[in-house]
Amino acid sequence: MKNILAATDFSNDSYCALFYATRLLASQSCTFHILHVFDELTPLHGKKVKLFGSNKRLKDVEVESGEKLAATFHKIILDTDNPQHQFKTISEKGNLSRIMARVIKDRGIDLVVMGNKGSTGAKALFMGGNTIQAVNTLTACPVLAVPRELDYKTPGEIAFVTDFKKGCAKRTIAPLLYLASLTAASIRVLHINEKEDLSPEQQSNKKLLEICLDGVNHSFHWMSGGTHKAKVILDFLEKQDIDMFAMVHNKRGVLEKIIREPVVLDISIYSDIPFLILPLPD
């Protein structure tokens, strides 16, 4: 991974995500592209958001965006002091997901890093609105959602949650294998039972995954799904002392079901563990 895109809204959460990524990739030579996207309704420091923007206000927002990016740039350099890392800043007006998609393509981004809650601190979802928007829009790049103000812990145990229906090929899980290799982490594969037996397709994908994990310390785990798959996953992550977990983003898969489950409205489920969302190649 040579190019990392870190989206920021200048919250502590987004800076934490950036810092976490620099620690995770501390041994690698890479460039971090710090992106801030704004529009007429972006809050100005110390001022209320106005329903209708103006050209002057937009200019003020643009100036403040540049100033805060410069401050973030200097802070991350001082905090990390890693000669292998370079940092670049991007300030643009427009739609976050569309601009991110263009930056990913133009700058050859290998990984997107975001805080799992933004400045609004949305408590009703386990990820902030911007992160969910990005996950649902960005299909060409993995997204790492990092919990708010998480103290960095070197990942030693990584969970991979799968239904064995799609996303078991090496091309899909390559980012997961790469990140696991950085810290020699073990991979714990979790399958939530929906039926007693795997279908022929699922059995084939399980064998494919076993081939991909050859040479990596790993194990397979089965759990009953019940009503709330999210709660089952949370219990597994806690019992296994997982440091990071990954899923493949498939609109018909486990991740999509979790986002819609009522249990997500009750607690910020994954607030303590970084979440790697892997895109499913076309």
C-alpha atoms as a PDB file:
ATOM      1  CA  MET A   1       0.000   0.000   0.000  1.00  0.00           C
ATOM      2  CA  LYS A   2       1.716   3.119  -1.262  1.00  0.00           C
ATOM      3  CA  ASN A   3      -1.067   5.703  -1.251  1.00  0.00           C
ATOM      4  CA  ILE A   4      -3.498   6.169   1.638  1.00  0.00           C
ATOM      5  CA  LEU A   5      -6.486   8.517   1.532  1.00  0.00           C
ATOM      6  CA  ALA A   6      -7.501   9.928   4.914  1.00  0.00           C
ATOM      7  CA  ALA A   7     -10.780  11.852   4.826  1.00  0.00           C
ATOM      8  CA  THR A   8     -11.072  14.431   7.578  1.00  0.00           C
ATOM      9  CA  ASP A   9     -13.708  16.724   9.018  1.00  0.00           C
ATOM     10  CA  PHE A  10     -11.108  17.978  11.543  1.00  0.00           C
ATOM     11  CA  SER A  11     -12.744  16.048  14.381  1.00  0.00           C
ATOM     12  CA  ASN A  12     -10.681  14.097  16.903  1.00  0.00           C
ATOM     13  CA  ASP A  13     -12.129  10.932  15.357  1.00  0.00           C
ATOM     14  CA  SER A  14     -10.783  11.652  11.893  1.00  0.00           C
ATOM     15  CA  TYR A  15      -7.347  12.573  13.252  1.00  0.00           C
ATOM     16  CA  CYS A  16      -7.332   9.379  15.310  1.00  0.00           C
ATOM     17  CA  ALA A  17      -8.016   7.392  12.124  1.00  0.00           C
ATOM     18  CA  LEU A  18      -5.122   9.087  10.339  1.00  0.00           C
ATOM     19  CA  PHE A  19      -2.764   8.513  13.257  1.00  0.00           C
ATOM     20  CA  TYR A  20      -3.824   4.872  13.561  1.00  0.00           C
ATOM     21  CA  ALA A  21      -3.032   4.316   9.884  1.00  0.00           C
ATOM     22  CA  THR A  22       0.438   5.840  10.268  1.00  0.00           C
ATOM     23  CA  ARG A  23       1.170   3.444  13.136  1.00  0.00           C
ATOM     24  CA  LEU A  24      -0.254   0.452  11.313  1.00  0.00           C
ATOM     25  CA  LEU A  25       1.888   1.245   8.253  1.00  0.00           C
ATOM     26  CA  ALA A  26       4.889   2.502  10.224  1.00  0.00           C
ATOM     27  CA  SER A  27       7.283   0.094   8.519  1.00  0.00           C
ATOM     28  CA  GLN A  28       6.067   0.926   5.019  1.00  0.00           C
ATOM     29  CA  SER A  29       7.066   3.725   2.667  1.00  0.00           C
ATOM     30  CA  CYS A  30       3.829   5.471   1.705  1.00  0.00           C
ATOM     31  CA  THR A  31       2.075   8.772   1.092  1.00  0.00           C
ATOM     32  CA  PHE A  32      -0.963   9.911   3.073  1.00  0.00           C
ATOM     33  CA  HIS A  33      -3.370  12.154   1.173  1.00  0.00           C
ATOM     34  CA  ILE A  34      -5.407  14.128   3.722  1.00  0.00           C
ATOM     35  CA  LEU A  35      -8.699  15.220   2.164  1.00  0.00           C
ATOM     36  CA  HIS A  36     -11.244  17.756   3.373  1.00  0.00           C
ATOM     37  CA  VAL A  37     -14.418  18.328   1.351  1.00  0.00           C
ATOM     38  CA  PHE A  38     -16.618  21.327   2.067  1.00  0.00           C
ATOM     39  CA  ASP A  39     -19.668  23.150   0.729  1.00  0.00           C
ATOM     40  CA  GLU A  40     -21.779  26.201   1.525  1.00  0.00           C
ATOM     41  CA  LEU A  41     -23.221  24.557   4.639  1.00  0.00           C
ATOM     42  CA  THR A  42     -19.942  23.430   6.183  1.00  0.00           C
ATOM     43  CA  PRO A  43     -19.772  24.907   9.714  1.00  0.00           C
ATOM     44  CA  LEU A  44     -17.302  27.716  10.325  1.00  0.00           C
ATOM     45  CA  HIS A  45     -15.470  27.729  13.627  1.00  0.00           C
ATOM     46  CA  GLY A  46     -17.431  29.725  16.177  1.00  0.00           C
ATOM     47  CA  LYS A  47     -20.343  30.419  13.828  1.00  0.00           C
ATOM     48  CA  LYS A  48     -23.764  28.867  13.369  1.00  0.00           C
ATOM     49  CA  VAL A  49     -24.599  26.993  10.179  1.00  0.00           C
ATOM     50  CA  LYS A  50     -26.818  29.101   7.945  1.00  0.00           C
ATOM     51  CA  LEU A  51     -29.606  27.563   5.898  1.00  0.00           C
ATOM     52  CA  PHE A  52     -28.490  29.421   2.806  1.00  0.00           C
ATOM     53  CA  GLY A  53     -24.845  30.031   2.019  1.00  0.00           C
ATOM     54  CA  SER A  54     -23.262  33.028   0.293  1.00  0.00           C
ATOM     55  CA  ASN A  55     -20.203  33.530  -1.882  1.00  0.00           C
ATOM     56  CA  LYS A  56     -18.419  35.296   0.957  1.00  0.00           C
ATOM     57  CA  ARG A  57     -19.234  32.538   3.412  1.00  0.00           C
ATOM     58  CA  LEU A  58     -18.091  29.894   0.933  1.00  0.00           C
ATOM     59  CA  LYS A  59     -14.786  31.714   0.555  1.00  0.00           C
ATOM     60  CA  ASP A  60     -14.412  31.827   4.330  1.00  0.00           C
ATOM     61  CA  VAL A  61     -15.074  28.077   4.519  1.00  0.00           C
ATOM     62  CA  GLU A  62     -12.472  27.457   1.819  1.00  0.00           C
ATOM     63  CA  VAL A  63      -9.872  29.526   3.660  1.00  0.00           C
ATOM     64  CA  GLU A  64     -10.605  27.789   6.955  1.00  0.00           C
ATOM     65  CA  SER A  65     -10.363  24.395   5.228  1.00  0.00           C
ATOM     66  CA  GLY A  66      -6.884  25.240   3.977  1.00  0.00           C
ATOM     67  CA  GLU A  67      -5.780  26.537   7.359  1.00  0.00           C
ATOM     68  CA  LYS A  68      -7.017  23.483   9.244  1.00  0.00           C
ATOM     69  CA  LEU A  69      -5.443  21.137   6.711  1.00  0.00           C
ATOM     70  CA  ALA A  70      -2.124  22.928   7.208  1.00  0.00           C
ATOM     71  CA  ALA A  71      -2.481  22.536  10.977  1.00  0.00           C
ATOM     72  CA  THR A  72      -3.289  18.821  10.576  1.00  0.00           C
ATOM     73  CA  PHE A  73      -0.311  18.407   8.242  1.00  0.00           C
ATOM     74  CA  HIS A  74       2.126  19.878  10.779  1.00  0.00           C
ATOM     75  CA  LYS A  75       0.574  18.018  13.714  1.00  0.00           C
ATOM     76  CA  ILE A  76       0.775  14.569  12.097  1.00  0.00           C
ATOM     77  CA  ILE A  77       4.405  15.124  11.091  1.00  0.00           C
ATOM     78  CA  LEU A  78       5.304  16.087  14.651  1.00  0.00           C
ATOM     79  CA  ASP A  79       3.290  13.217  16.149  1.00  0.00           C
ATOM     80  CA  THR A  80       4.711  10.515  13.893  1.00  0.00           C
ATOM     81  CA  ASP A  81       8.218  11.653  12.918  1.00  0.00           C
ATOM     82  CA  ASN A  82       8.518   8.875  10.344  1.00  0.00           C
ATOM     83  CA  PRO A  83      10.886   9.566   7.403  1.00  0.00           C
ATOM     84  CA  GLN A  84       9.151   6.826   5.393  1.00  0.00           C
ATOM     85  CA  HIS A  85       5.873   8.727   5.376  1.00  0.00           C
ATOM     86  CA  GLN A  86       4.925  11.700   3.224  1.00  0.00           C
ATOM     87  CA  PHE A  87       1.797  13.798   3.660  1.00  0.00           C
ATOM     88  CA  LYS A  88      -0.184  15.791   1.118  1.00  0.00           C
ATOM     89  CA  THR A  89      -3.347  17.816   1.649  1.00  0.00           C
ATOM     90  CA  ILE A  90      -6.385  18.263  -0.578  1.00  0.00           C
ATOM     91  CA  SER A  91      -9.153  20.817  -0.036  1.00  0.00           C
ATOM     92  CA  GLU A  92     -12.115  20.706  -2.417  1.00  0.00           C
ATOM     93  CA  LYS A  93     -15.698  21.890  -2.643  1.00  0.00           C
ATOM     94  CA  GLY A  94     -18.349  19.362  -3.546  1.00  0.00           C
ATOM     95  CA  ASN A  95     -19.776  15.966  -2.670  1.00  0.00           C
ATOM     96  CA  LEU A  96     -17.582  13.830  -0.402  1.00  0.00           C
ATOM     97  CA  SER A  97     -18.117  10.454  -2.075  1.00  0.00           C
ATOM     98  CA  ARG A  98     -17.771  11.758  -5.629  1.00  0.00           C
ATOM     99  CA  ILE A  99     -14.569  13.616  -4.817  1.00  0.00           C
ATOM    100  CA  MET A 100     -13.166  10.636  -2.930  1.00  0.00           C
ATOM    101  CA  ALA A 101     -13.906   8.362  -5.898  1.00  0.00           C
ATOM    102  CA  ARG A 102     -12.041  10.738  -8.222  1.00  0.00           C
ATOM    103  CA  VAL A 103      -9.073  11.117  -5.871  1.00  0.00           C
ATOM    104  CA  ILE A 104      -8.852   7.329  -5.506  1.00  0.00           C
ATOM    105  CA  LYS A 105      -8.617   6.992  -9.269  1.00  0.00           C
ATOM    106  CA  ASP A 106      -6.332   9.965  -9.935  1.00  0.00           C
ATOM    107  CA  ARG A 107      -3.845   9.265  -7.142  1.00  0.00           C
ATOM    108  CA  GLY A 108      -3.838   5.479  -7.202  1.00  0.00           C
ATOM    109  CA  ILE A 109      -5.196   5.143  -3.669  1.00  0.00           C
ATOM    110  CA  ASP A 110      -4.767   1.711  -2.071  1.00  0.00           C
ATOM    111  CA  LEU A 111      -6.674   2.287   1.174  1.00  0.00           C
ATOM    112  CA  VAL A 112      -9.208   4.795   2.502  1.00  0.00           C
ATOM    113  CA  VAL A 113      -9.074   5.592   6.221  1.00  0.00           C
ATOM    114  CA  MET A 114     -11.938   7.286   8.062  1.00  0.00           C
ATOM    115  CA  GLY A 115     -13.114   7.800  11.610  1.00  0.00           C
ATOM    116  CA  ASN A 116     -16.189   5.719  12.322  1.00  0.00           C
ATOM    117  CA  LYS A 117     -17.940   8.756  13.743  1.00  0.00           C
ATOM    118  CA  GLY A 118     -17.592  12.261  12.446  1.00  0.00           C
ATOM    119  CA  SER A 119     -17.972  15.630  14.094  1.00  0.00           C
ATOM    120  CA  THR A 120     -21.710  15.021  14.562  1.00  0.00           C
ATOM    121  CA  GLY A 121     -20.993  11.939  16.676  1.00  0.00           C
ATOM    122  CA  ALA A 122     -24.092  10.165  15.367  1.00  0.00           C
ATOM    123  CA  LYS A 123     -24.973   7.778  18.179  1.00  0.00           C
ATOM    124  CA  ALA A 124     -27.638   5.878  16.261  1.00  0.00           C
ATOM    125  CA  LEU A 125     -25.186   4.169  13.930  1.00  0.00           C
ATOM    126  CA  PHE A 126     -22.005   2.215  14.481  1.00  0.00           C
ATOM    127  CA  MET A 127     -20.350   4.272  11.775  1.00  0.00           C
ATOM    128  CA  GLY A 128     -20.849   7.951  10.964  1.00  0.00           C
ATOM    129  CA  GLY A 129     -22.972   8.980   8.006  1.00  0.00           C
ATOM    130  CA  ASN A 130     -19.940   9.938   5.920  1.00  0.00           C
ATOM    131  CA  THR A 131     -18.338   6.549   6.468  1.00  0.00           C
ATOM    132  CA  ILE A 132     -21.483   4.653   5.473  1.00  0.00           C
ATOM    133  CA  GLN A 133     -21.853   6.912   2.443  1.00  0.00           C
ATOM    134  CA  ALA A 134     -18.269   6.184   1.443  1.00  0.00           C
ATOM    135  CA  VAL A 135     -18.613   2.424   1.959  1.00  0.00           C
ATOM    136  CA  ASN A 136     -21.732   2.297  -0.191  1.00  0.00           C
ATOM    137  CA  THR A 137     -20.184   4.420  -2.938  1.00  0.00           C
ATOM    138  CA  LEU A 138     -16.527   3.420  -3.128  1.00  0.00           C
ATOM    139  CA  THR A 139     -16.325   0.043  -4.807  1.00  0.00           C
ATOM    140  CA  ALA A 140     -12.709   0.123  -5.969  1.00  0.00           C
ATOM    141  CA  CYS A 141     -10.852   0.555  -2.698  1.00  0.00           C
ATOM    142  CA  PRO A 142     -10.906  -0.943   0.812  1.00  0.00           C
ATOM    143  CA  VAL A 143     -12.071   1.312   3.644  1.00  0.00           C
ATOM    144  CA  LEU A 144     -10.671   1.156   7.176  1.00  0.00           C
ATOM    145  CA  ALA A 145     -13.080   2.642   9.737  1.00  0.00           C
ATOM    146  CA  VAL A 146     -11.260   3.470  12.978  1.00  0.00           C
ATOM    147  CA  PRO A 147     -13.047   3.995  16.320  1.00  0.00           C
ATOM    148  CA  ARG A 148     -12.988   7.350  17.997  1.00  0.00           C
ATOM    149  CA  GLU A 149      -9.838   8.220  19.922  1.00  0.00           C
ATOM    150  CA  LEU A 150      -8.588   4.639  19.895  1.00  0.00           C
ATOM    151  CA  ASP A 151      -5.201   3.994  21.455  1.00  0.00           C
ATOM    152  CA  TYR A 152      -3.131   2.152  18.880  1.00  0.00           C
ATOM    153  CA  LYS A 153      -2.615  -1.543  19.532  1.00  0.00           C
ATOM    154  CA  THR A 154      -0.618  -3.655  17.094  1.00  0.00           C
ATOM    155  CA  PRO A 155      -3.119  -6.086  15.540  1.00  0.00           C
ATOM    156  CA  GLY A 156      -2.311  -9.617  16.599  1.00  0.00           C
ATOM    157  CA  GLU A 157      -5.760 -11.107  16.010  1.00  0.00           C
ATOM    158  CA  ILE A 158      -7.848 -10.193  12.961  1.00  0.00           C
ATOM    159  CA  ALA A 159     -11.334 -11.577  12.334  1.00  0.00           C
ATOM    160  CA  PHE A 160     -12.742 -12.139   8.866  1.00  0.00           C
ATOM    161  CA  VAL A 161     -16.536 -12.461   8.845  1.00  0.00           C
ATOM    162  CA  THR A 162     -17.891 -14.275   5.787  1.00  0.00           C
ATOM    163  CA  ASP A 163     -20.941 -16.151   4.550  1.00  0.00           C
ATOM    164  CA  PHE A 164     -18.789 -18.128   2.082  1.00  0.00           C
ATOM    165  CA  LYS A 165     -21.038 -16.920  -0.723  1.00  0.00           C
ATOM    166  CA  LYS A 166     -18.728 -14.328  -2.252  1.00  0.00           C
ATOM    167  CA  GLY A 167     -15.469 -12.564  -1.482  1.00  0.00           C
ATOM    168  CA  CYS A 168     -13.223 -15.543  -0.712  1.00  0.00           C
ATOM    169  CA  ALA A 169     -10.801 -15.097  -3.618  1.00  0.00           C
ATOM    170  CA  LYS A 170      -7.279 -13.797  -3.076  1.00  0.00           C
ATOM    171  CA  ARG A 171      -7.981 -10.728  -5.203  1.00  0.00           C
ATOM    172  CA  THR A 172     -10.703  -9.680  -2.758  1.00  0.00           C
ATOM    173  CA  ILE A 173      -8.930 -10.423   0.527  1.00  0.00           C
ATOM    174  CA  ALA A 174      -5.490  -9.218  -0.612  1.00  0.00           C
ATOM    175  CA  PRO A 175      -5.690  -6.020   1.530  1.00  0.00           C
ATOM    176  CA  LEU A 176      -6.574  -8.138   4.559  1.00  0.00           C
ATOM    177  CA  LEU A 177      -3.647 -10.492   3.931  1.00  0.00           C
ATOM    178  CA  TYR A 178      -1.330  -7.518   3.435  1.00  0.00           C
ATOM    179  CA  LEU A 179      -2.300  -5.823   6.700  1.00  0.00           C
ATOM    180  CA  ALA A 180      -2.084  -9.121   8.579  1.00  0.00           C
ATOM    181  CA  SER A 181       1.415  -9.689   7.185  1.00  0.00           C
ATOM    182  CA  LEU A 182       2.639  -6.361   8.584  1.00  0.00           C
ATOM    183  CA  THR A 183       2.215  -7.562  12.155  1.00  0.00           C
ATOM    184  CA  ALA A 184       2.221 -11.348  11.604  1.00  0.00           C
ATOM    185  CA  ALA A 185      -1.388 -11.340  12.804  1.00  0.00           C
ATOM    186  CA  SER A 186      -3.539 -14.451  12.988  1.00  0.00           C
ATOM    187  CA  ILE A 187      -6.784 -14.491  10.999  1.00  0.00           C
ATOM    188  CA  ARG A 188      -9.905 -15.927  12.625  1.00  0.00           C
ATOM    189  CA  VAL A 189     -12.595 -16.726  10.065  1.00  0.00           C
ATOM    190  CA  LEU A 190     -16.135 -16.423  11.426  1.00  0.00           C
ATOM    191  CA  HIS A 191     -19.091 -17.941   9.620  1.00  0.00           C
ATOM    192  CA  ILE A 192     -22.581 -17.340  11.002  1.00  0.00           C
ATOM    193  CA  ASN A 193     -24.824 -20.319  10.314  1.00  0.00           C
ATOM    194  CA  GLU A 194     -28.014 -19.588   8.418  1.00  0.00           C
ATOM    195  CA  LYS A 195     -28.538 -23.238   7.479  1.00  0.00           C
ATOM    196  CA  GLU A 196     -27.163 -26.455   8.930  1.00  0.00           C
ATOM    197  CA  ASP A 197     -25.045 -27.329   5.904  1.00  0.00           C
ATOM    198  CA  LEU A 198     -23.032 -25.261   3.459  1.00  0.00           C
ATOM    199  CA  SER A 199     -24.216 -25.255  -0.144  1.00  0.00           C
ATOM    200  CA  PRO A 200     -21.862 -26.632  -2.815  1.00  0.00           C
ATOM    201  CA  GLU A 201     -20.967 -23.048  -3.733  1.00  0.00           C
ATOM    202  CA  GLN A 202     -20.176 -22.194  -0.106  1.00  0.00           C
ATOM    203  CA  GLN A 203     -18.086 -25.330   0.294  1.00  0.00           C
ATOM    204  CA  SER A 204     -16.119 -24.405  -2.812  1.00  0.00           C
ATOM    205  CA  ASN A 205     -15.535 -20.855  -1.554  1.00  0.00           C
ATOM    206  CA  LYS A 206     -14.453 -22.159   1.854  1.00  0.00           C
ATOM    207  CA  LYS A 207     -11.815 -24.340   0.171  1.00  0.00           C
ATOM    208  CA  LEU A 208     -10.709 -21.340  -1.894  1.00  0.00           C
ATOM    209  CA  LEU A 209     -10.336 -19.281   1.268  1.00  0.00           C
ATOM    210  CA  GLU A 210      -8.293 -22.052   2.888  1.00  0.00           C
ATOM    211  CA  ILE A 211      -5.916 -21.922  -0.073  1.00  0.00           C
ATOM    212  CA  CYS A 212      -5.622 -18.124   0.240  1.00  0.00           C
ATOM    213  CA  LEU A 213      -4.809 -18.435   3.936  1.00  0.00           C
ATOM    214  CA  ASP A 214      -2.104 -21.039   3.407  1.00  0.00           C
ATOM    215  CA  GLY A 215       0.975 -19.925   5.315  1.00  0.00           C
ATOM    216  CA  VAL A 216      -1.044 -17.627   7.602  1.00  0.00           C
ATOM    217  CA  ASN A 217      -1.916 -18.680  11.143  1.00  0.00           C
ATOM    218  CA  HIS A 218      -5.694 -19.015  10.957  1.00  0.00           C
ATOM    219  CA  SER A 219      -8.729 -20.877  12.242  1.00  0.00           C
ATOM    220  CA  PHE A 220     -12.391 -21.303  11.270  1.00  0.00           C
ATOM    221  CA  HIS A 221     -15.277 -20.672  13.650  1.00  0.00           C
ATOM    222  CA  TRP A 222     -19.013 -21.383  13.325  1.00  0.00           C
ATOM    223  CA  MET A 223     -21.720 -19.550  15.303  1.00  0.00           C
ATOM    224  CA  SER A 224     -25.507 -19.539  15.135  1.00  0.00           C
ATOM    225  CA  GLY A 225     -26.912 -16.305  13.769  1.00  0.00           C
ATOM    226  CA  GLY A 226     -30.133 -15.889  15.701  1.00  0.00           C
ATOM    227  CA  THR A 227     -32.103 -12.698  15.215  1.00  0.00           C
ATOM    228  CA  HIS A 228     -29.233 -10.229  15.402  1.00  0.00           C
ATOM    229  CA  LYS A 229     -26.071 -11.160  13.543  1.00  0.00           C
ATOM    230  CA  ALA A 230     -24.375  -7.986  14.745  1.00  0.00           C
ATOM    231  CA  LYS A 231     -24.623  -9.083  18.388  1.00  0.00           C
ATOM    232  CA  VAL A 232     -23.240 -12.522  17.506  1.00  0.00           C
ATOM    233  CA  ILE A 233     -20.255 -10.903  15.815  1.00  0.00           C
ATOM    234  CA  LEU A 234     -19.688  -8.563  18.757  1.00  0.00           C
ATOM    235  CA  ASP A 235     -19.640 -11.489  21.183  1.00  0.00           C
ATOM    236  CA  PHE A 236     -17.123 -13.303  18.993  1.00  0.00           C
ATOM    237  CA  LEU A 237     -14.848 -10.267  18.726  1.00  0.00           C
ATOM    238  CA  GLU A 238     -14.823  -9.832  22.486  1.00  0.00           C
ATOM    239  CA  LYS A 239     -14.274 -13.504  23.331  1.00  0.00           C
ATOM    240  CA  GLN A 240     -11.456 -13.858  20.803  1.00  0.00           C
ATOM    241  CA  ASP A 241      -9.825 -10.548  21.834  1.00  0.00           C
ATOM    242  CA  ILE A 242      -9.887  -9.370  18.221  1.00  0.00           C
ATOM    243  CA  ASP A 243      -7.879  -6.247  17.319  1.00  0.00           C
ATOM    244  CA  MET A 244      -9.353  -5.653  13.844  1.00  0.00           C
ATOM    245  CA  PHE A 245     -12.114  -7.274  11.840  1.00  0.00           C
ATOM    246  CA  ALA A 246     -12.935  -7.391   8.145  1.00  0.00           C
ATOM    247  CA  MET A 247     -15.894  -8.070   5.896  1.00  0.00           C
ATOM    248  CA  VAL A 248     -16.511  -7.982   2.175  1.00  0.00           C
ATOM    249  CA  HIS A 249     -18.973  -5.313   1.105  1.00  0.00           C
ATOM    250  CA  ASN A 250     -21.712  -7.091  -0.796  1.00  0.00           C
ATOM    251  CA  LYS A 251     -25.106  -5.393  -0.959  1.00  0.00           C
ATOM    252  CA  ARG A 252     -26.753  -8.736  -0.324  1.00  0.00           C
ATOM    253  CA  GLY A 253     -24.244  -9.912   2.239  1.00  0.00           C
ATOM    254  CA  VAL A 254     -23.707  -9.910   5.991  1.00  0.00           C
ATOM    255  CA  LEU A 255     -22.457  -6.314   6.191  1.00  0.00           C
ATOM    256  CA  GLU A 256     -25.594  -4.885   4.608  1.00  0.00           C
ATOM    257  CA  LYS A 257     -27.792  -6.870   7.010  1.00  0.00           C
ATOM    258  CA  ILE A 258     -25.831  -5.648  10.025  1.00  0.00           C
ATOM    259  CA  ILE A 259     -26.191  -1.986   9.055  1.00  0.00           C
ATOM    260  CA  ARG A 260     -29.965  -2.392   8.966  1.00  0.00           C
ATOM    261  CA  GLU A 261     -30.376  -4.411  12.149  1.00  0.00           C
ATOM    262  CA  PRO A 262     -32.222  -2.781  15.101  1.00  0.00           C
ATOM    263  CA  VAL A 263     -29.429  -3.731  17.521  1.00  0.00           C
ATOM    264  CA  VAL A 264     -27.230  -1.168  15.799  1.00  0.00           C
ATOM    265  CA  LEU A 265     -29.581   1.505  17.083  1.00  0.00           C
ATOM    266  CA  ASP A 266     -28.973   0.455  20.677  1.00  0.00           C
ATOM    267  CA  ILE A 267     -25.193   0.615  21.011  1.00  0.00           C
ATOM    268  CA  SER A 268     -22.219   1.758  19.005  1.00  0.00           C
ATOM    269  CA  ILE A 269     -21.343  -1.845  18.367  1.00  0.00           C
ATOM    270  CA  TYR A 270     -17.874  -1.691  16.971  1.00  0.00           C
ATOM    271  CA  SER A 271     -16.594   1.402  18.736  1.00  0.00           C
ATOM    272  CA  ASP A 272     -13.535  -0.377  20.102  1.00  0.00           C
ATOM    273  CA  ILE A 273     -12.285  -2.272  17.047  1.00  0.00           C
ATOM    274  CA  PRO A 274     -11.095  -1.023  13.633  1.00  0.00           C
ATOM    275  CA  PHE A 275     -13.276  -2.307  10.799  1.00  0.00           C
ATOM    276  CA  LEU A 276     -11.817  -3.132   7.360  1.00  0.00           C
ATOM    277  CA  ILE A 277     -14.418  -3.149   4.569  1.00  0.00           C
ATOM    278  CA  LEU A 278     -13.208  -4.968   1.463  1.00  0.00           C
ATOM    279  CA  PRO A 279     -14.713  -4.149  -1.945  1.00  0.00           C
ATOM    280  CA  LEU A 280     -16.046  -6.977  -4.065  1.00  0.00           C
ATOM    281  CA  PRO A 281     -14.385  -6.736  -7.517  1.00  0.00           C
ATOM    282  CA  ASP A 282     -16.683  -6.696 -10.533  1.00  0.00           C
END
